[in-house]
């Protein structure tokens, strides 16, 4: 009985992987959410975080790039999905259009094929106003 449950569990996992990726080995699109979604070039933040909808255990983390910027660190979110972090200074150095939407594309390799996901973010350069209370 235990072997049957294990086999059924593995079959369900494989079915879920096929549904997510289409055919094994084919490239597929994922959904991403970039934070911050408005990038202020005067921001003193340290990382740009990209949340995904792909399972953490499937991703070869060292293969992940954001517009050519190599991943800095990674983790799993509370849902078990892959989260990528990139150095903000490297993302700010990308050729982007000020005051406009710019497309950031995450690419990488997983156990079931290559993947990509894109999101538009706005790039601004706002200098903080001193209030005199400092």
N, C-alpha and C. Protein backbone atom coordinates (compact mmCIF):
# COMPACT_ATOMS: atom_id res chain seq x y z
N UNK A 1 0.83 -1.19 0.00
CA UNK A 1 0.00 0.00 0.00
C UNK A 1 0.88 1.26 0.00
N UNK A 2 1.97 1.24 0.77
CA UNK A 2 2.87 2.39 0.84
C UNK A 2 3.52 2.65 -0.52
N UNK A 3 3.91 1.57 -1.22
CA UNK A 3 4.51 1.72 -2.55
C UNK A 3 3.52 2.31 -3.54
N UNK A 4 2.28 1.93 -3.42
CA UNK A 4 1.25 2.45 -4.33
C UNK A 4 1.07 3.94 -4.09
N UNK A 5 1.01 4.38 -2.83
CA UNK A 5 0.86 5.80 -2.50
C UNK A 5 2.07 6.58 -3.00
N UNK A 6 3.25 6.04 -2.83
CA UNK A 6 4.47 6.71 -3.30
C UNK A 6 4.46 6.83 -4.81
N UNK A 7 4.07 5.77 -5.50
CA UNK A 7 4.01 5.78 -6.96
C UNK A 7 2.97 6.79 -7.44
N UNK A 8 1.83 6.82 -6.82
CA UNK A 8 0.79 7.79 -7.19
C UNK A 8 1.28 9.21 -6.95
N UNK A 9 1.96 9.42 -5.83
CA UNK A 9 2.50 10.74 -5.54
C UNK A 9 3.51 11.18 -6.58
N UNK A 10 4.38 10.28 -7.00
CA UNK A 10 5.36 10.61 -8.04
C UNK A 10 4.69 10.90 -9.38
N UNK A 11 3.68 10.13 -9.70
CA UNK A 11 2.95 10.36 -10.95
C UNK A 11 2.25 11.72 -10.94
N UNK A 12 1.70 12.11 -9.82
CA UNK A 12 1.06 13.43 -9.71
C UNK A 12 2.09 14.53 -9.87
N UNK A 13 3.26 14.36 -9.26
CA UNK A 13 4.33 15.34 -9.39
C UNK A 13 4.77 15.48 -10.85
N UNK A 14 4.98 14.36 -11.52
CA UNK A 14 5.38 14.39 -12.92
C UNK A 14 4.31 15.04 -13.80
N UNK A 15 3.06 14.73 -13.53
CA UNK A 15 1.97 15.34 -14.28
C UNK A 15 1.97 16.85 -14.08
N UNK A 16 2.18 17.30 -12.86
CA UNK A 16 2.23 18.74 -12.58
C UNK A 16 3.38 19.40 -13.32
N UNK A 17 4.52 18.74 -13.39
CA UNK A 17 5.67 19.29 -14.11
C UNK A 17 5.37 19.40 -15.60
N UNK A 18 4.73 18.38 -16.17
CA UNK A 18 4.38 18.42 -17.60
C UNK A 18 3.37 19.53 -17.88
N UNK A 19 2.41 19.71 -17.00
CA UNK A 19 1.41 20.75 -17.20
C UNK A 19 2.07 22.12 -17.14
N UNK A 20 3.00 22.32 -16.20
CA UNK A 20 3.66 23.61 -16.06
C UNK A 20 4.54 23.91 -17.26
N UNK A 21 5.24 22.95 -17.78
CA UNK A 21 6.24 23.21 -18.81
C UNK A 21 5.81 22.84 -20.21
N UNK A 22 4.72 22.18 -20.37
CA UNK A 22 4.36 21.69 -21.71
C UNK A 22 5.08 20.39 -21.94
N UNK A 23 6.08 20.38 -22.78
CA UNK A 23 6.89 19.19 -23.03
C UNK A 23 8.26 19.35 -22.39
N UNK A 24 8.75 18.31 -21.79
CA UNK A 24 10.06 18.34 -21.15
C UNK A 24 11.11 18.73 -22.17
N UNK A 25 12.00 19.64 -21.80
CA UNK A 25 13.08 20.05 -22.68
C UNK A 25 12.75 21.27 -23.52
N UNK A 26 11.48 21.63 -23.62
CA UNK A 26 11.11 22.81 -24.37
C UNK A 26 11.17 24.03 -23.47
N UNK A 27 11.51 25.18 -24.05
CA UNK A 27 11.52 26.43 -23.29
C UNK A 27 10.08 26.81 -22.97
N UNK A 28 9.88 27.42 -21.81
CA UNK A 28 8.54 27.80 -21.39
C UNK A 28 8.58 29.12 -20.64
N UNK A 29 7.43 29.79 -20.62
CA UNK A 29 7.32 31.09 -19.96
C UNK A 29 6.80 30.92 -18.54
N UNK A 30 7.35 31.74 -17.64
CA UNK A 30 6.89 31.79 -16.26
C UNK A 30 6.39 33.20 -15.97
N UNK A 31 5.70 33.35 -14.88
CA UNK A 31 5.25 34.66 -14.42
C UNK A 31 6.24 35.18 -13.40
N UNK A 32 6.62 36.45 -13.54
CA UNK A 32 7.52 37.05 -12.57
C UNK A 32 6.91 38.33 -12.00
N UNK A 33 7.39 38.71 -10.82
CA UNK A 33 6.99 39.95 -10.17
C UNK A 33 8.26 40.61 -9.65
N UNK A 34 8.62 41.75 -10.24
CA UNK A 34 9.87 42.44 -9.91
C UNK A 34 9.60 43.46 -8.81
N UNK A 35 10.47 43.50 -7.81
CA UNK A 35 10.38 44.49 -6.74
C UNK A 35 11.75 45.15 -6.56
N UNK A 36 11.84 46.44 -6.66
CA UNK A 36 10.74 47.38 -6.85
C UNK A 36 10.28 47.42 -8.30
N UNK A 37 8.99 47.75 -8.49
CA UNK A 37 8.48 47.84 -9.86
C UNK A 37 8.61 49.26 -10.43
N UNK A 38 9.06 50.19 -9.58
CA UNK A 38 9.51 51.51 -10.01
C UNK A 38 10.92 51.66 -9.45
N UNK A 39 11.89 51.73 -10.35
CA UNK A 39 13.29 51.78 -9.95
C UNK A 39 13.78 53.22 -9.98
N UNK A 40 14.03 53.77 -8.80
CA UNK A 40 14.58 55.12 -8.68
C UNK A 40 16.11 55.00 -8.67
N UNK A 41 16.74 55.60 -9.64
CA UNK A 41 18.20 55.49 -9.74
C UNK A 41 18.91 56.12 -8.54
N UNK A 42 18.19 56.93 -7.75
CA UNK A 42 18.76 57.50 -6.53
C UNK A 42 18.42 56.68 -5.30
N UNK A 43 17.74 55.56 -5.48
CA UNK A 43 17.40 54.65 -4.39
C UNK A 43 18.68 54.06 -3.81
N UNK A 44 18.74 53.95 -2.51
CA UNK A 44 19.92 53.39 -1.85
C UNK A 44 19.76 51.89 -1.58
N UNK A 45 18.75 51.26 -2.17
CA UNK A 45 18.52 49.83 -1.98
C UNK A 45 19.68 49.00 -2.48
N UNK A 46 19.74 47.77 -2.05
CA UNK A 46 20.86 46.90 -2.40
C UNK A 46 20.51 45.82 -3.41
N UNK A 47 19.24 45.39 -3.46
CA UNK A 47 18.88 44.30 -4.37
C UNK A 47 17.57 44.59 -5.10
N UNK A 48 17.46 43.99 -6.27
CA UNK A 48 16.21 43.90 -7.01
C UNK A 48 15.77 42.45 -6.86
N UNK A 49 14.56 42.24 -6.40
CA UNK A 49 14.05 40.90 -6.12
C UNK A 49 13.05 40.50 -7.19
N UNK A 50 13.16 39.27 -7.67
CA UNK A 50 12.23 38.76 -8.68
C UNK A 50 11.57 37.50 -8.13
N UNK A 51 10.27 37.60 -7.90
CA UNK A 51 9.47 36.46 -7.44
C UNK A 51 8.97 35.73 -8.69
N UNK A 52 8.95 34.40 -8.63
CA UNK A 52 8.51 33.60 -9.79
C UNK A 52 7.42 32.63 -9.38
N UNK A 53 6.87 31.97 -10.39
CA UNK A 53 5.88 30.92 -10.12
C UNK A 53 6.42 29.54 -10.49
N UNK A 54 7.75 29.40 -10.52
CA UNK A 54 8.35 28.09 -10.80
C UNK A 54 8.89 27.51 -9.49
N UNK A 55 8.74 26.23 -9.32
CA UNK A 55 9.16 25.55 -8.08
C UNK A 55 10.66 25.71 -7.86
N UNK A 56 11.03 26.05 -6.65
CA UNK A 56 12.42 26.29 -6.27
C UNK A 56 13.32 25.11 -6.64
N UNK A 57 12.88 23.90 -6.37
CA UNK A 57 13.70 22.72 -6.58
C UNK A 57 13.97 22.40 -8.04
N UNK A 58 13.26 23.03 -8.96
CA UNK A 58 13.46 22.76 -10.38
C UNK A 58 14.56 23.63 -11.00
N UNK A 59 14.88 24.75 -10.36
CA UNK A 59 15.74 25.77 -10.98
C UNK A 59 17.21 25.52 -10.71
N UNK A 60 18.01 25.63 -11.76
CA UNK A 60 19.47 25.66 -11.62
C UNK A 60 19.84 27.12 -11.39
N UNK A 61 19.96 27.50 -10.12
CA UNK A 61 20.08 28.91 -9.74
C UNK A 61 21.24 29.63 -10.43
N UNK A 62 22.36 28.96 -10.61
CA UNK A 62 23.53 29.62 -11.21
C UNK A 62 23.33 29.93 -12.69
N UNK A 63 22.23 29.48 -13.28
CA UNK A 63 21.95 29.75 -14.69
C UNK A 63 21.03 30.96 -14.88
N UNK A 64 20.64 31.61 -13.79
CA UNK A 64 19.61 32.65 -13.85
C UNK A 64 20.22 34.03 -14.06
N UNK A 65 19.65 34.75 -15.03
CA UNK A 65 20.07 36.12 -15.36
C UNK A 65 18.86 37.02 -15.49
N UNK A 66 19.06 38.30 -15.24
CA UNK A 66 18.04 39.33 -15.45
C UNK A 66 18.64 40.35 -16.41
N UNK A 67 18.20 40.36 -17.65
CA UNK A 67 18.75 41.25 -18.69
C UNK A 67 20.27 41.17 -18.72
N UNK A 68 20.82 39.98 -18.59
CA UNK A 68 22.26 39.78 -18.66
C UNK A 68 22.99 39.93 -17.34
N UNK A 69 22.29 40.32 -16.27
CA UNK A 69 22.89 40.46 -14.94
C UNK A 69 22.79 39.11 -14.24
N UNK A 70 23.93 38.58 -13.80
CA UNK A 70 23.96 37.29 -13.12
C UNK A 70 23.32 37.38 -11.74
N UNK A 71 22.59 36.35 -11.39
CA UNK A 71 21.93 36.28 -10.08
C UNK A 71 22.96 36.44 -8.96
N UNK A 72 22.55 37.13 -7.89
CA UNK A 72 23.42 37.35 -6.73
C UNK A 72 23.11 36.34 -5.62
N UNK A 73 21.82 36.13 -5.36
CA UNK A 73 21.40 35.17 -4.34
C UNK A 73 19.99 34.70 -4.68
N UNK A 74 19.55 33.65 -4.00
CA UNK A 74 18.24 33.07 -4.28
C UNK A 74 17.72 32.39 -3.04
N UNK A 75 16.41 32.15 -3.06
CA UNK A 75 15.75 31.47 -1.94
C UNK A 75 14.41 30.94 -2.42
N UNK A 76 13.74 30.25 -1.54
CA UNK A 76 12.39 29.76 -1.78
C UNK A 76 11.43 30.65 -1.01
N UNK A 77 10.28 30.99 -1.62
CA UNK A 77 9.28 31.74 -0.87
C UNK A 77 8.42 30.76 -0.07
N UNK A 78 7.42 31.28 0.61
CA UNK A 78 6.57 30.44 1.46
C UNK A 78 5.74 29.44 0.67
N UNK A 79 5.58 29.65 -0.64
CA UNK A 79 4.84 28.72 -1.49
C UNK A 79 5.75 27.69 -2.14
N UNK A 80 7.07 27.79 -1.88
CA UNK A 80 8.01 26.86 -2.49
C UNK A 80 8.48 27.29 -3.87
N UNK A 81 8.20 28.55 -4.24
CA UNK A 81 8.61 29.06 -5.54
C UNK A 81 9.97 29.75 -5.46
N UNK A 82 10.63 29.82 -6.59
CA UNK A 82 11.96 30.39 -6.71
C UNK A 82 11.91 31.92 -6.63
N UNK A 83 12.80 32.49 -5.83
CA UNK A 83 12.95 33.94 -5.71
C UNK A 83 14.41 34.27 -6.00
N UNK A 84 14.63 35.19 -6.95
CA UNK A 84 15.98 35.58 -7.36
C UNK A 84 16.27 37.00 -6.89
N UNK A 85 17.52 37.23 -6.48
CA UNK A 85 17.95 38.57 -6.06
C UNK A 85 19.16 38.97 -6.89
N UNK A 86 19.12 40.23 -7.36
CA UNK A 86 20.18 40.79 -8.19
C UNK A 86 20.68 42.07 -7.53
N UNK A 87 21.98 42.32 -7.66
CA UNK A 87 22.53 43.55 -7.10
C UNK A 87 21.90 44.75 -7.81
N UNK A 88 21.33 45.66 -7.02
CA UNK A 88 20.66 46.81 -7.59
C UNK A 88 21.62 47.67 -8.40
N UNK A 89 22.85 47.79 -7.95
CA UNK A 89 23.83 48.60 -8.68
C UNK A 89 24.04 48.07 -10.09
N UNK A 90 24.01 46.75 -10.27
CA UNK A 90 24.18 46.15 -11.60
C UNK A 90 22.94 46.34 -12.46
N UNK A 91 21.76 46.30 -11.84
CA UNK A 91 20.52 46.53 -12.60
C UNK A 91 20.44 48.00 -13.00
N UNK A 92 20.82 48.91 -12.11
CA UNK A 92 20.83 50.34 -12.43
C UNK A 92 21.78 50.65 -13.58
N UNK A 93 22.83 49.87 -13.75
CA UNK A 93 23.82 50.11 -14.79
C UNK A 93 23.33 49.67 -16.18
N UNK A 94 22.19 48.99 -16.26
CA UNK A 94 21.65 48.57 -17.55
C UNK A 94 21.23 49.79 -18.36
N UNK A 95 21.23 49.67 -19.67
CA UNK A 95 20.80 50.73 -20.56
C UNK A 95 19.28 50.78 -20.54
N UNK A 96 18.72 51.75 -19.77
CA UNK A 96 17.26 51.86 -19.63
C UNK A 96 16.82 53.28 -19.95
N UNK A 97 15.57 53.42 -20.34
CA UNK A 97 15.00 54.72 -20.70
C UNK A 97 14.38 55.37 -19.49
N UNK A 98 14.89 56.53 -19.13
CA UNK A 98 14.42 57.28 -17.96
C UNK A 98 12.98 57.74 -18.14
N UNK A 99 12.19 57.57 -17.10
CA UNK A 99 10.81 58.04 -17.11
C UNK A 99 9.87 57.16 -17.91
N UNK A 100 10.35 56.04 -18.39
CA UNK A 100 9.54 55.15 -19.23
C UNK A 100 9.51 53.75 -18.64
N UNK A 101 8.63 52.93 -19.22
CA UNK A 101 8.62 51.51 -18.87
C UNK A 101 9.77 50.81 -19.58
N UNK A 102 10.46 49.96 -18.86
CA UNK A 102 11.56 49.17 -19.40
C UNK A 102 11.28 47.71 -19.08
N UNK A 103 11.54 46.83 -20.02
CA UNK A 103 11.25 45.41 -19.82
C UNK A 103 12.45 44.70 -19.20
N UNK A 104 12.20 44.04 -18.08
CA UNK A 104 13.20 43.18 -17.46
C UNK A 104 12.79 41.74 -17.74
N UNK A 105 13.75 40.94 -18.21
CA UNK A 105 13.47 39.55 -18.55
C UNK A 105 14.39 38.64 -17.77
N UNK A 106 13.77 37.74 -17.02
CA UNK A 106 14.49 36.72 -16.26
C UNK A 106 14.59 35.48 -17.13
N UNK A 107 15.79 34.91 -17.24
CA UNK A 107 15.99 33.67 -17.99
C UNK A 107 16.77 32.69 -17.12
N UNK A 108 16.59 31.41 -17.39
CA UNK A 108 17.33 30.40 -16.65
C UNK A 108 17.03 29.01 -17.17
N UNK A 109 17.65 28.06 -16.50
CA UNK A 109 17.50 26.65 -16.84
C UNK A 109 16.89 25.92 -15.66
N UNK A 110 16.01 24.98 -15.98
CA UNK A 110 15.39 24.16 -14.94
C UNK A 110 15.51 22.69 -15.31
N UNK A 111 15.07 21.85 -14.42
CA UNK A 111 15.10 20.41 -14.66
C UNK A 111 14.17 20.00 -15.81
N UNK A 112 13.26 20.90 -16.19
CA UNK A 112 12.30 20.56 -17.24
C UNK A 112 12.45 21.44 -18.48
N UNK A 113 13.51 22.21 -18.56
CA UNK A 113 13.76 23.04 -19.73
C UNK A 113 14.12 24.47 -19.37
N UNK A 114 14.50 25.22 -20.39
CA UNK A 114 14.81 26.63 -20.19
C UNK A 114 13.52 27.40 -19.94
N UNK A 115 13.61 28.50 -19.19
CA UNK A 115 12.43 29.30 -18.90
C UNK A 115 12.76 30.78 -19.03
N UNK A 116 11.72 31.57 -19.17
CA UNK A 116 11.86 33.02 -19.18
C UNK A 116 10.57 33.63 -18.67
N UNK A 117 10.70 34.87 -18.19
CA UNK A 117 9.54 35.65 -17.77
C UNK A 117 9.92 37.11 -17.84
N UNK A 118 8.97 37.97 -18.20
CA UNK A 118 9.25 39.39 -18.36
C UNK A 118 8.24 40.24 -17.60
N UNK A 119 8.71 41.42 -17.19
CA UNK A 119 7.83 42.41 -16.58
C UNK A 119 8.38 43.79 -16.91
N UNK A 120 7.49 44.73 -17.15
CA UNK A 120 7.89 46.12 -17.36
C UNK A 120 7.95 46.83 -16.02
N UNK A 121 9.02 47.60 -15.83
CA UNK A 121 9.14 48.46 -14.65
C UNK A 121 9.43 49.88 -15.13
N UNK A 122 9.07 50.85 -14.33
CA UNK A 122 9.35 52.23 -14.66
C UNK A 122 10.67 52.62 -14.01
N UNK A 123 11.48 53.38 -14.74
CA UNK A 123 12.77 53.86 -14.24
C UNK A 123 12.68 55.37 -14.09
N UNK A 124 12.99 55.85 -12.88
CA UNK A 124 12.95 57.28 -12.59
C UNK A 124 14.23 57.69 -11.89
N UNK A 125 14.42 58.99 -11.79
CA UNK A 125 15.56 59.52 -11.03
C UNK A 125 15.06 60.70 -10.23
N UNK A 126 14.63 60.42 -9.02
CA UNK A 126 14.08 61.44 -8.14
C UNK A 126 15.06 61.67 -7.00
N UNK A 127 15.47 62.92 -6.84
CA UNK A 127 16.38 63.28 -5.76
C UNK A 127 15.53 63.58 -4.53
N UNK A 128 15.85 62.94 -3.39
CA UNK A 128 15.07 63.19 -2.18
C UNK A 128 15.17 64.66 -1.76
N UNK A 129 14.06 65.20 -1.29
CA UNK A 129 14.01 66.58 -0.82
C UNK A 129 14.35 66.60 0.66
N UNK A 130 15.27 67.46 1.03
CA UNK A 130 15.63 67.61 2.45
C UNK A 130 14.56 68.46 3.13
N UNK A 131 14.10 68.00 4.28
CA UNK A 131 13.03 68.70 4.99
C UNK A 131 13.56 69.68 6.03
N UNK A 132 14.84 69.66 6.31
CA UNK A 132 15.40 70.52 7.33
C UNK A 132 15.31 69.92 8.71
N UNK A 133 14.70 68.75 8.82
CA UNK A 133 14.55 68.08 10.11
C UNK A 133 15.70 67.10 10.35
N UNK A 134 16.63 67.01 9.42
CA UNK A 134 17.73 66.05 9.54
C UNK A 134 18.75 66.49 10.54
